PDB file of all heavy atoms in Angstrom:
ATOM      1  N   SER A   1     121.076  45.649  76.222  1.00  0.00           N
ATOM      2  CA  SER A   1     121.024  44.739  75.228  1.00  0.00           C
ATOM      3  C   SER A   1     121.907  44.906  74.129  1.00  0.00           C
ATOM      4  O   SER A   1     121.929  44.077  73.079  1.00  0.00           O
ATOM      5  CB  SER A   1     119.504  44.568  74.683  1.00  0.00           C
ATOM      6  OG  SER A   1     119.138  45.826  74.118  1.00  0.00           O
ATOM      7  N   ARG A   2     122.668  45.973  74.116  1.00  0.00           N
ATOM      8  CA  ARG A   2     123.674  46.138  72.985  1.00  0.00           C
ATOM      9  C   ARG A   2     124.932  45.182  73.196  1.00  0.00           C
ATOM     10  O   ARG A   2     125.386  44.975  74.287  1.00  0.00           O
ATOM     11  CB  ARG A   2     124.178  47.571  73.000  1.00  0.00           C
ATOM     12  CG  ARG A   2     123.170  48.588  72.727  1.00  0.00           C
ATOM     13  CD  ARG A   2     123.679  49.997  72.973  1.00  0.00           C
ATOM     14  NE  ARG A   2     124.218  50.038  74.448  1.00  0.00           N
ATOM     15  CZ  ARG A   2     125.103  50.963  74.812  1.00  0.00           C
ATOM     16  NH1 ARG A   2     125.564  51.941  73.908  1.00  0.00           N
ATOM     17  NH2 ARG A   2     125.517  51.071  75.979  1.00  0.00           N
ATOM     18  N   VAL A   3     125.171  44.603  72.050  1.00  0.00           N
ATOM     19  CA  VAL A   3     126.426  43.583  72.038  1.00  0.00           C
ATOM     20  C   VAL A   3     127.205  43.777  70.771  1.00  0.00           C
ATOM     21  O   VAL A   3     126.777  44.386  69.801  1.00  0.00           O
ATOM     22  CB  VAL A   3     125.862  42.139  72.093  1.00  0.00           C
ATOM     23  CG1 VAL A   3     125.089  41.832  73.415  1.00  0.00           C
ATOM     24  CG2 VAL A   3     125.015  41.794  70.929  1.00  0.00           C
ATOM     25  N   THR A   4     128.373  43.233  70.882  1.00  0.00           N
ATOM     26  CA  THR A   4     129.205  43.118  69.640  1.00  0.00           C
ATOM     27  C   THR A   4     129.642  41.591  69.668  1.00  0.00           C
ATOM     28  O   THR A   4     129.964  40.964  70.596  1.00  0.00           O
ATOM     29  CB  THR A   4     130.498  43.874  69.702  1.00  0.00           C
ATOM     30  OG1 THR A   4     130.061  45.373  69.848  1.00  0.00           O
ATOM     31  CG2 THR A   4     131.402  43.780  68.523  1.00  0.00           C
ATOM     32  N   VAL A   5     129.585  41.195  68.320  1.00  0.00           N
ATOM     33  CA  VAL A   5     129.876  39.778  68.114  1.00  0.00           C
ATOM     34  C   VAL A   5     130.887  39.742  66.964  1.00  0.00           C
ATOM     35  O   VAL A   5     130.722  40.340  66.026  1.00  0.00           O
ATOM     36  CB  VAL A   5     128.669  38.961  67.629  1.00  0.00           C
ATOM     37  CG1 VAL A   5     129.101  37.485  67.260  1.00  0.00           C
ATOM     38  CG2 VAL A   5     127.472  38.915  68.555  1.00  0.00           C
ATOM     39  N   VAL A   6     132.046  39.112  67.162  1.00  0.00           N
ATOM     40  CA  VAL A   6     133.085  38.908  66.183  1.00  0.00           C
ATOM     41  C   VAL A   6     133.072  37.470  65.760  1.00  0.00           C
ATOM     42  O   VAL A   6     133.353  36.626  66.557  1.00  0.00           O
ATOM     43  CB  VAL A   6     134.515  39.452  66.680  1.00  0.00           C
ATOM     44  CG1 VAL A   6     135.496  39.172  65.684  1.00  0.00           C
ATOM     45  CG2 VAL A   6     134.546  40.822  67.091  1.00  0.00           C
ATOM     46  N   LEU A   7     132.846  37.268  64.455  1.00  0.00           N
ATOM     47  CA  LEU A   7     132.861  36.020  63.891  1.00  0.00           C
ATOM     48  C   LEU A   7     134.093  35.847  63.108  1.00  0.00           C
ATOM     49  O   LEU A   7     134.441  36.753  62.192  1.00  0.00           O
ATOM     50  CB  LEU A   7     131.659  35.890  62.882  1.00  0.00           C
ATOM     51  CG  LEU A   7     130.286  35.942  63.545  1.00  0.00           C
ATOM     52  CD1 LEU A   7     129.292  36.528  62.582  1.00  0.00           C
ATOM     53  CD2 LEU A   7     129.840  34.582  64.008  1.00  0.00           C
ATOM     54  N   MET A   8     134.960  34.871  63.415  1.00  0.00           N
ATOM     55  CA  MET A   8     136.248  34.682  62.756  1.00  0.00           C
ATOM     56  C   MET A   8     136.288  33.285  61.969  1.00  0.00           C
ATOM     57  O   MET A   8     135.873  32.353  62.534  1.00  0.00           O
ATOM     58  CB  MET A   8     137.446  34.648  63.753  1.00  0.00           C
ATOM     59  CG  MET A   8     137.755  36.104  64.195  1.00  0.00           C
ATOM     60  SD  MET A   8     139.280  36.034  65.249  1.00  0.00           S
ATOM     61  CE  MET A   8     138.740  35.011  66.573  1.00  0.00           C
ATOM     62  N   ASP A   9     136.939  33.365  60.847  1.00  0.00           N
ATOM     63  CA  ASP A   9     137.232  32.064  60.090  1.00  0.00           C
ATOM     64  C   ASP A   9     138.338  31.528  60.882  1.00  0.00           C
ATOM     65  O   ASP A   9     139.407  32.065  60.966  1.00  0.00           O
ATOM     66  CB  ASP A   9     137.522  32.346  58.745  1.00  0.00           C
ATOM     67  CG  ASP A   9     137.756  31.194  57.947  1.00  0.00           C
ATOM     68  OD1 ASP A   9     138.242  30.139  58.435  1.00  0.00           O
ATOM     69  OD2 ASP A   9     137.485  31.135  56.715  1.00  0.00           O
ATOM     70  N   GLN A  10     138.256  30.290  61.458  1.00  0.00           N
ATOM     71  CA  GLN A  10     139.290  29.709  62.262  1.00  0.00           C
ATOM     72  C   GLN A  10     140.562  29.241  61.370  1.00  0.00           C
ATOM     73  O   GLN A  10     141.627  29.166  61.904  1.00  0.00           O
ATOM     74  CB  GLN A  10     138.753  28.420  62.988  1.00  0.00           C
ATOM     75  CG  GLN A  10     137.903  28.926  64.106  1.00  0.00           C
ATOM     76  CD  GLN A  10     137.441  27.831  65.051  1.00  0.00           C
ATOM     77  OE1 GLN A  10     136.399  27.490  65.015  1.00  0.00           O
ATOM     78  NE2 GLN A  10     138.402  27.211  65.732  1.00  0.00           N
ATOM     79  N   GLN A  11     140.318  29.144  60.068  1.00  0.00           N
ATOM     80  CA  GLN A  11     141.466  28.874  59.113  1.00  0.00           C
ATOM     81  C   GLN A  11     142.259  30.078  58.743  1.00  0.00           C
ATOM     82  O   GLN A  11     143.305  29.989  58.313  1.00  0.00           O
ATOM     83  CB  GLN A  11     140.838  28.187  57.852  1.00  0.00           C
ATOM     84  CG  GLN A  11     140.005  26.917  58.176  1.00  0.00           C
ATOM     85  CD  GLN A  11     140.795  25.886  58.983  1.00  0.00           C
ATOM     86  OE1 GLN A  11     141.940  25.514  58.795  1.00  0.00           O
ATOM     87  NE2 GLN A  11     140.056  25.481  60.026  1.00  0.00           N
ATOM     88  N   ASP A  12     141.587  31.258  58.984  1.00  0.00           N
ATOM     89  CA  ASP A  12     142.179  32.526  58.508  1.00  0.00           C
ATOM     90  C   ASP A  12     141.668  33.673  59.346  1.00  0.00           C
ATOM     91  O   ASP A  12     140.637  34.232  59.112  1.00  0.00           O
ATOM     92  CB  ASP A  12     141.892  32.868  57.039  1.00  0.00           C
ATOM     93  CG  ASP A  12     142.457  34.266  56.634  1.00  0.00           C
ATOM     94  OD1 ASP A  12     143.153  34.898  57.438  1.00  0.00           O
ATOM     95  OD2 ASP A  12     142.145  34.618  55.479  1.00  0.00           O
ATOM     96  N   SER A  13     142.426  33.924  60.451  1.00  0.00           N
ATOM     97  CA  SER A  13     141.925  34.868  61.582  1.00  0.00           C
ATOM     98  C   SER A  13     141.803  36.274  61.041  1.00  0.00           C
ATOM     99  O   SER A  13     141.105  37.169  61.637  1.00  0.00           O
ATOM    100  CB  SER A  13     142.827  34.843  62.878  1.00  0.00           C
ATOM    101  OG  SER A  13     144.125  35.163  62.485  1.00  0.00           O
ATOM    102  N   TYR A  14     142.387  36.564  59.833  1.00  0.00           N
ATOM    103  CA  TYR A  14     142.220  37.902  59.233  1.00  0.00           C
ATOM    104  C   TYR A  14     140.830  37.997  58.427  1.00  0.00           C
ATOM    105  O   TYR A  14     140.504  39.070  57.940  1.00  0.00           O
ATOM    106  CB  TYR A  14     143.425  38.287  58.385  1.00  0.00           C
ATOM    107  CG  TYR A  14     144.582  38.551  59.235  1.00  0.00           C
ATOM    108  CD1 TYR A  14     145.571  37.687  59.342  1.00  0.00           C
ATOM    109  CD2 TYR A  14     144.709  39.706  59.937  1.00  0.00           C
ATOM    110  CE1 TYR A  14     146.637  37.819  60.105  1.00  0.00           C
ATOM    111  CE2 TYR A  14     145.799  39.951  60.665  1.00  0.00           C
ATOM    112  CZ  TYR A  14     146.779  39.021  60.813  1.00  0.00           C
ATOM    113  OH  TYR A  14     147.897  39.273  61.571  1.00  0.00           O
ATOM    114  N   SER A  15     140.237  36.851  58.333  1.00  0.00           N
ATOM    115  CA  SER A  15     138.805  36.877  57.656  1.00  0.00           C
ATOM    116  C   SER A  15     137.840  36.805  58.734  1.00  0.00           C
ATOM    117  O   SER A  15     137.591  35.766  59.445  1.00  0.00           O
ATOM    118  CB  SER A  15     138.747  35.585  56.817  1.00  0.00           C
ATOM    119  OG  SER A  15     137.517  35.592  56.157  1.00  0.00           O
ATOM    120  N   PHE A  16     137.091  37.916  59.048  1.00  0.00           N
ATOM    121  CA  PHE A  16     136.175  37.988  60.006  1.00  0.00           C
ATOM    122  C   PHE A  16     135.082  38.982  59.639  1.00  0.00           C
ATOM    123  O   PHE A  16     135.135  39.716  58.646  1.00  0.00           O
ATOM    124  CB  PHE A  16     136.912  38.579  61.224  1.00  0.00           C
ATOM    125  CG  PHE A  16     137.420  40.089  61.136  1.00  0.00           C
ATOM    126  CD1 PHE A  16     136.573  41.052  61.608  1.00  0.00           C
ATOM    127  CD2 PHE A  16     138.490  40.346  60.419  1.00  0.00           C
ATOM    128  CE1 PHE A  16     136.797  42.376  61.433  1.00  0.00           C
ATOM    129  CE2 PHE A  16     138.802  41.714  60.207  1.00  0.00           C
ATOM    130  CZ  PHE A  16     138.042  42.670  60.735  1.00  0.00           C
ATOM    131  N   VAL A  17     134.130  39.024  60.502  1.00  0.00           N
ATOM    132  CA  VAL A  17     133.037  40.045  60.489  1.00  0.00           C
ATOM    133  C   VAL A  17     132.724  40.422  61.846  1.00  0.00           C
ATOM    134  O   VAL A  17     132.602  39.602  62.877  1.00  0.00           O
ATOM    135  CB  VAL A  17     131.751  39.541  59.827  1.00  0.00           C
ATOM    136  CG1 VAL A  17     130.599  40.468  59.990  1.00  0.00           C
ATOM    137  CG2 VAL A  17     131.902  39.082  58.423  1.00  0.00           C
ATOM    138  N   GLU A  18     132.678  41.763  62.104  1.00  0.00           N
ATOM    139  CA  GLU A  18     132.322  42.372  63.431  1.00  0.00           C
ATOM    140  C   GLU A  18     130.922  42.883  63.277  1.00  0.00           C
ATOM    141  O   GLU A  18     130.546  43.558  62.269  1.00  0.00           O
ATOM    142  CB  GLU A  18     133.259  43.435  63.884  1.00  0.00           C
ATOM    143  CG  GLU A  18     132.739  44.214  65.183  1.00  0.00           C
ATOM    144  CD  GLU A  18     133.499  45.381  65.562  1.00  0.00           C
ATOM    145  OE1 GLU A  18     134.657  45.474  65.160  1.00  0.00           O
ATOM    146  OE2 GLU A  18     132.845  46.110  66.168  1.00  0.00           O
ATOM    147  N   VAL A  19     130.106  42.306  64.144  1.00  0.00           N
ATOM    148  CA  VAL A  19     128.625  42.705  64.182  1.00  0.00           C
ATOM    149  C   VAL A  19     128.367  43.511  65.378  1.00  0.00           C
ATOM    150  O   VAL A  19     128.684  43.096  66.551  1.00  0.00           O
ATOM    151  CB  VAL A  19     127.765  41.512  64.264  1.00  0.00           C
ATOM    152  CG1 VAL A  19     126.272  41.828  64.469  1.00  0.00           C
ATOM    153  CG2 VAL A  19     127.889  40.653  62.930  1.00  0.00           C
ATOM    154  N   ARG A  20     127.861  44.657  65.204  1.00  0.00           N
ATOM    155  CA  ARG A  20     127.274  45.412  66.380  1.00  0.00           C
ATOM    156  C   ARG A  20     125.806  45.209  66.300  1.00  0.00           C
ATOM    157  O   ARG A  20     125.179  45.616  65.253  1.00  0.00           O
ATOM    158  CB  ARG A  20     127.798  46.917  66.229  1.00  0.00           C
ATOM    159  CG  ARG A  20     129.172  47.076  66.360  1.00  0.00           C
ATOM    160  CD  ARG A  20     129.744  48.466  66.292  1.00  0.00           C
ATOM    161  NE  ARG A  20     131.082  48.346  66.233  1.00  0.00           N
ATOM    162  CZ  ARG A  20     131.876  49.440  65.906  1.00  0.00           C
ATOM    163  NH1 ARG A  20     131.333  50.577  65.590  1.00  0.00           N
ATOM    164  NH2 ARG A  20     133.191  49.290  65.877  1.00  0.00           N
ATOM    165  N   GLY A  21     125.237  44.828  67.448  1.00  0.00           N
ATOM    166  CA  GLY A  21     123.771  44.442  67.361  1.00  0.00           C
ATOM    167  C   GLY A  21     123.142  44.639  68.630  1.00  0.00           C
ATOM    168  O   GLY A  21     123.686  45.151  69.719  1.00  0.00           O
ATOM    169  N   THR A  22     121.902  44.109  68.633  1.00  0.00           N
ATOM    170  CA  THR A  22     121.042  44.183  69.895  1.00  0.00           C
ATOM    171  C   THR A  22     120.326  42.807  70.038  1.00  0.00           C
ATOM    172  O   THR A  22     119.891  42.222  69.227  1.00  0.00           O
ATOM    173  CB  THR A  22     119.908  45.273  69.603  1.00  0.00           C
ATOM    174  OG1 THR A  22     120.563  46.461  69.358  1.00  0.00           O
ATOM    175  CG2 THR A  22     119.096  45.392  70.898  1.00  0.00           C
ATOM    176  N   VAL A  23     120.301  42.394  71.369  1.00  0.00           N
ATOM    177  CA  VAL A  23     119.640  41.103  71.737  1.00  0.00           C
ATOM    178  C   VAL A  23     118.035  41.621  71.650  1.00  0.00           C
ATOM    179  O   VAL A  23     117.724  42.311  72.565  1.00  0.00           O
ATOM    180  CB  VAL A  23     120.083  40.687  73.067  1.00  0.00           C
ATOM    181  CG1 VAL A  23     119.087  39.381  73.404  1.00  0.00           C
ATOM    182  CG2 VAL A  23     121.525  40.214  73.018  1.00  0.00           C
ATOM    183  N   VAL A  24     117.365  41.086  70.725  1.00  0.00           N
ATOM    184  CA  VAL A  24     116.032  41.501  70.512  1.00  0.00           C
ATOM    185  C   VAL A  24     115.039  40.489  71.180  1.00  0.00           C
ATOM    186  O   VAL A  24     113.897  40.820  71.339  1.00  0.00           O
ATOM    187  CB  VAL A  24     115.644  41.778  69.130  1.00  0.00           C
ATOM    188  CG1 VAL A  24     116.444  42.884  68.564  1.00  0.00           C
ATOM    189  CG2 VAL A  24     115.939  40.554  68.197  1.00  0.00           C
ATOM    190  N   GLU A  25     115.502  39.244  71.508  1.00  0.00           N
ATOM    191  CA  GLU A  25     114.643  38.244  72.126  1.00  0.00           C
ATOM    192  C   GLU A  25     115.552  37.201  72.909  1.00  0.00           C
ATOM    193  O   GLU A  25     116.604  36.988  72.430  1.00  0.00           O
ATOM    194  CB  GLU A  25     113.875  37.587  71.074  1.00  0.00           C
ATOM    195  CG  GLU A  25     112.814  36.530  71.507  1.00  0.00           C
ATOM    196  CD  GLU A  25     111.976  35.975  70.344  1.00  0.00           C
ATOM    197  OE1 GLU A  25     112.301  36.162  69.216  1.00  0.00           O
ATOM    198  OE2 GLU A  25     111.137  35.107  70.829  1.00  0.00           O
ATOM    199  N   THR A  26     114.954  36.861  73.940  1.00  0.00           N
ATOM    200  CA  THR A  26     115.557  35.798  74.674  1.00  0.00           C
ATOM    201  C   THR A  26     114.460  34.637  74.751  1.00  0.00           C
ATOM    202  O   THR A  26     113.274  34.897  74.956  1.00  0.00           O
ATOM    203  CB  THR A  26     116.002  36.142  76.092  1.00  0.00           C
ATOM    204  OG1 THR A  26     115.021  36.639  76.857  1.00  0.00           O
ATOM    205  CG2 THR A  26     117.136  37.202  76.059  1.00  0.00           C
ATOM    206  N   ILE A  27     114.845  33.426  74.678  1.00  0.00           N
ATOM    207  CA  ILE A  27     114.028  32.242  74.734  1.00  0.00           C
ATOM    208  C   ILE A  27     114.562  31.149  75.693  1.00  0.00           C
ATOM    209  O   ILE A  27     115.596  30.887  75.632  1.00  0.00           O
ATOM    210  CB  ILE A  27     113.856  31.611  73.323  1.00  0.00           C
ATOM    211  CG1 ILE A  27     113.271  32.671  72.352  1.00  0.00           C
ATOM    212  CG2 ILE A  27     112.963  30.383  73.387  1.00  0.00           C
ATOM    213  CD1 ILE A  27     113.485  32.190  70.847  1.00  0.00           C
ATOM    214  N   ARG A  28     113.684  30.835  76.599  1.00  0.00           N
ATOM    215  CA  ARG A  28     114.031  29.942  77.636  1.00  0.00           C
ATOM    216  C   ARG A  28     113.206  28.544  77.400  1.00  0.00           C
ATOM    217  O   ARG A  28     112.540  28.465  76.496  1.00  0.00           O
ATOM    218  CB  ARG A  28     113.681  30.343  79.057  1.00  0.00           C
ATOM    219  CG  ARG A  28     114.470  31.682  79.363  1.00  0.00           C
ATOM    220  CD  ARG A  28     114.160  32.147  80.761  1.00  0.00           C
ATOM    221  NE  ARG A  28     114.638  33.485  81.042  1.00  0.00           N
ATOM    222  CZ  ARG A  28     114.901  33.944  82.274  1.00  0.00           C
ATOM    223  NH1 ARG A  28     114.706  33.201  83.268  1.00  0.00           N
ATOM    224  NH2 ARG A  28     115.439  35.120  82.381  1.00  0.00           N
ATOM    225  N   GLY A  29     113.396  27.608  78.298  1.00  0.00           N
ATOM    226  CA  GLY A  29     112.637  26.385  78.272  1.00  0.00           C
ATOM    227  C   GLY A  29     113.171  25.375  77.305  1.00  0.00           C
ATOM    228  O   GLY A  29     114.333  25.291  77.066  1.00  0.00           O
ATOM    229  N   PRO A  30     112.231  24.501  76.792  1.00  0.00           N
ATOM    230  CA  PRO A  30     112.718  23.301  75.897  1.00  0.00           C
ATOM    231  C   PRO A  30     113.421  23.783  74.739  1.00  0.00           C
ATOM    232  O   PRO A  30     114.397  23.162  74.280  1.00  0.00           O
ATOM    233  CB  PRO A  30     111.442  22.694  75.548  1.00  0.00           C
ATOM    234  CG  PRO A  30     110.424  23.154  76.576  1.00  0.00           C
ATOM    235  CD  PRO A  30     110.834  24.434  77.101  1.00  0.00           C
ATOM    236  N   ASP A  31     113.009  25.010  74.101  1.00  0.00           N
ATOM    237  CA  ASP A  31     113.723  25.392  72.926  1.00  0.00           C
ATOM    238  C   ASP A  31     115.234  25.704  73.212  1.00  0.00           C
ATOM    239  O   ASP A  31     116.128  25.531  72.376  1.00  0.00           O
ATOM    240  CB  ASP A  31     112.973  26.641  72.272  1.00  0.00           C
ATOM    241  CG  ASP A  31     111.709  26.215  71.635  1.00  0.00           C
ATOM    242  OD1 ASP A  31     111.482  25.119  71.398  1.00  0.00           O
ATOM    243  OD2 ASP A  31     110.933  27.142  71.518  1.00  0.00           O
ATOM    244  N   ALA A  32     115.426  26.368  74.383  1.00  0.00           N
ATOM    245  CA  ALA A  32     116.836  26.748  74.750  1.00  0.00           C
ATOM    246  C   ALA A  32     117.626  25.437  75.024  1.00  0.00           C
ATOM    247  O   ALA A  32     118.839  25.391  74.720  1.00  0.00           O
ATOM    248  CB  ALA A  32     116.873  27.684  75.879  1.00  0.00           C
ATOM    249  N   ALA A  33     117.000  24.445  75.759  1.00  0.00           N
ATOM    250  CA  ALA A  33     117.729  23.147  76.016  1.00  0.00           C
ATOM    251  C   ALA A  33     118.036  22.502  74.679  1.00  0.00           C
ATOM    252  O   ALA A  33     119.133  21.965  74.616  1.00  0.00           O
ATOM    253  CB  ALA A  33     116.878  22.327  76.852  1.00  0.00           C
ATOM    254  N   GLN A  34     117.188  22.569  73.728  1.00  0.00           N
ATOM    255  CA  GLN A  34     117.367  21.871  72.364  1.00  0.00           C
ATOM    256  C   GLN A  34     118.452  22.602  71.683  1.00  0.00           C
ATOM    257  O   GLN A  34     119.338  22.000  71.048  1.00  0.00           O
ATOM    258  CB  GLN A  34     116.138  21.732  71.557  1.00  0.00           C
ATOM    259  CG  GLN A  34     116.366  21.039  70.330  1.00  0.00           C
ATOM    260  CD  GLN A  34     116.846  19.523  70.505  1.00  0.00           C
ATOM    261  OE1 GLN A  34     116.195  18.830  71.228  1.00  0.00           O
ATOM    262  NE2 GLN A  34     117.981  19.199  69.850  1.00  0.00           N
ATOM    263  N   SER A  35     118.492  23.967  71.801  1.00  0.00           N
ATOM    264  CA  SER A  35     119.475  24.774  71.066  1.00  0.00           C
ATOM    265  C   SER A  35     120.892  24.454  71.527  1.00  0.00           C
ATOM    266  O   SER A  35     121.830  24.311  70.680  1.00  0.00           O
ATOM    267  CB  SER A  35     119.199  26.170  71.378  1.00  0.00           C
ATOM    268  OG  SER A  35     120.202  27.059  70.941  1.00  0.00           O
ATOM    269  N   ILE A  36     121.205  24.273  72.844  1.00  0.00           N
ATOM    270  CA  ILE A  36     122.522  23.993  73.301  1.00  0.00           C
ATOM    271  C   ILE A  36     122.957  22.630  72.826  1.00  0.00           C
ATOM    272  O   ILE A  36     124.109  22.362  72.545  1.00  0.00           O
ATOM    273  CB  ILE A  36     122.703  24.200  74.847  1.00  0.00           C
ATOM    274  CG1 ILE A  36     124.129  24.233  75.139  1.00  0.00           C
ATOM    275  CG2 ILE A  36     121.889  23.100  75.620  1.00  0.00           C
ATOM    276  CD1 ILE A  36     124.961  25.414  74.617  1.00  0.00           C
ATOM    277  N   GLU A  37     121.908  21.613  72.761  1.00  0.00           N
ATOM    278  CA  GLU A  37     122.294  20.342  72.239  1.00  0.00           C
ATOM    279  C   GLU A  37     122.661  20.429  70.731  1.00  0.00           C
ATOM    280  O   GLU A  37     123.588  19.718  70.353  1.00  0.00           O
ATOM    281  CB  GLU A  37     121.064  19.383  72.405  1.00  0.00           C
ATOM    282  CG  GLU A  37     120.683  18.959  73.848  1.00  0.00           C
ATOM    283  CD  GLU A  37     121.891  18.128  74.484  1.00  0.00           C
ATOM    284  OE1 GLU A  37     122.567  17.390  73.757  1.00  0.00           O
ATOM    285  OE2 GLU A  37     121.982  18.333  75.670  1.00  0.00           O
ATOM    286  N   ASP A  38     121.850  21.222  69.979  1.00  0.00           N
ATOM    287  CA  ASP A  38     122.178  21.270  68.559  1.00  0.00           C
ATOM    288  C   ASP A  38     123.668  21.937  68.344  1.00  0.00           C
ATOM    289  O   ASP A  38     124.376  21.482  67.576  1.00  0.00           O
ATOM    290  CB  ASP A  38     121.147  22.194  67.799  1.00  0.00           C
ATOM    291  CG  ASP A  38     119.765  21.559  67.824  1.00  0.00           C
ATOM    292  OD1 ASP A  38     119.739  20.286  68.055  1.00  0.00           O
ATOM    293  OD2 ASP A  38     118.817  22.195  67.568  1.00  0.00           O
ATOM    294  N   LEU A  39     123.875  22.903  69.235  1.00  0.00           N
ATOM    295  CA  LEU A  39     125.178  23.617  69.107  1.00  0.00           C
ATOM    296  C   LEU A  39     126.364  22.723  69.503  1.00  0.00           C
ATOM    297  O   LEU A  39     127.374  22.640  68.906  1.00  0.00           O
ATOM    298  CB  LEU A  39     125.284  24.859  70.043  1.00  0.00           C
ATOM    299  CG  LEU A  39     124.540  26.007  69.381  1.00  0.00           C
ATOM    300  CD1 LEU A  39     124.330  27.150  70.527  1.00  0.00           C
ATOM    301  CD2 LEU A  39     125.233  26.703  68.207  1.00  0.00           C
ATOM    302  N   SER A  40     126.077  21.820  70.577  1.00  0.00           N
ATOM    303  CA  SER A  40     127.044  20.811  71.085  1.00  0.00           C
ATOM    304  C   SER A  40     127.370  19.921  69.891  1.00  0.00           C
ATOM    305  O   SER A  40     128.519  19.607  69.645  1.00  0.00           O
ATOM    306  CB  SER A  40     126.650  20.111  72.277  1.00  0.00           C
ATOM    307  OG  SER A  40     127.663  19.220  72.712  1.00  0.00           O
TER     308      SER A  40
END
C-alpha cells in the first residue's frame, strides 16, 4: 500500500509537492463511479 504521489503545478513544473504515503482505504461501488464522474 506504499505509494508516492507527485503533484505539479502545470504552469510551473518546478513548483511541486512529493508525497510519500499509504493507501489507507479503497472504496468501490456507487461512490467510486461518482468519483470518476466528478474528476472527469
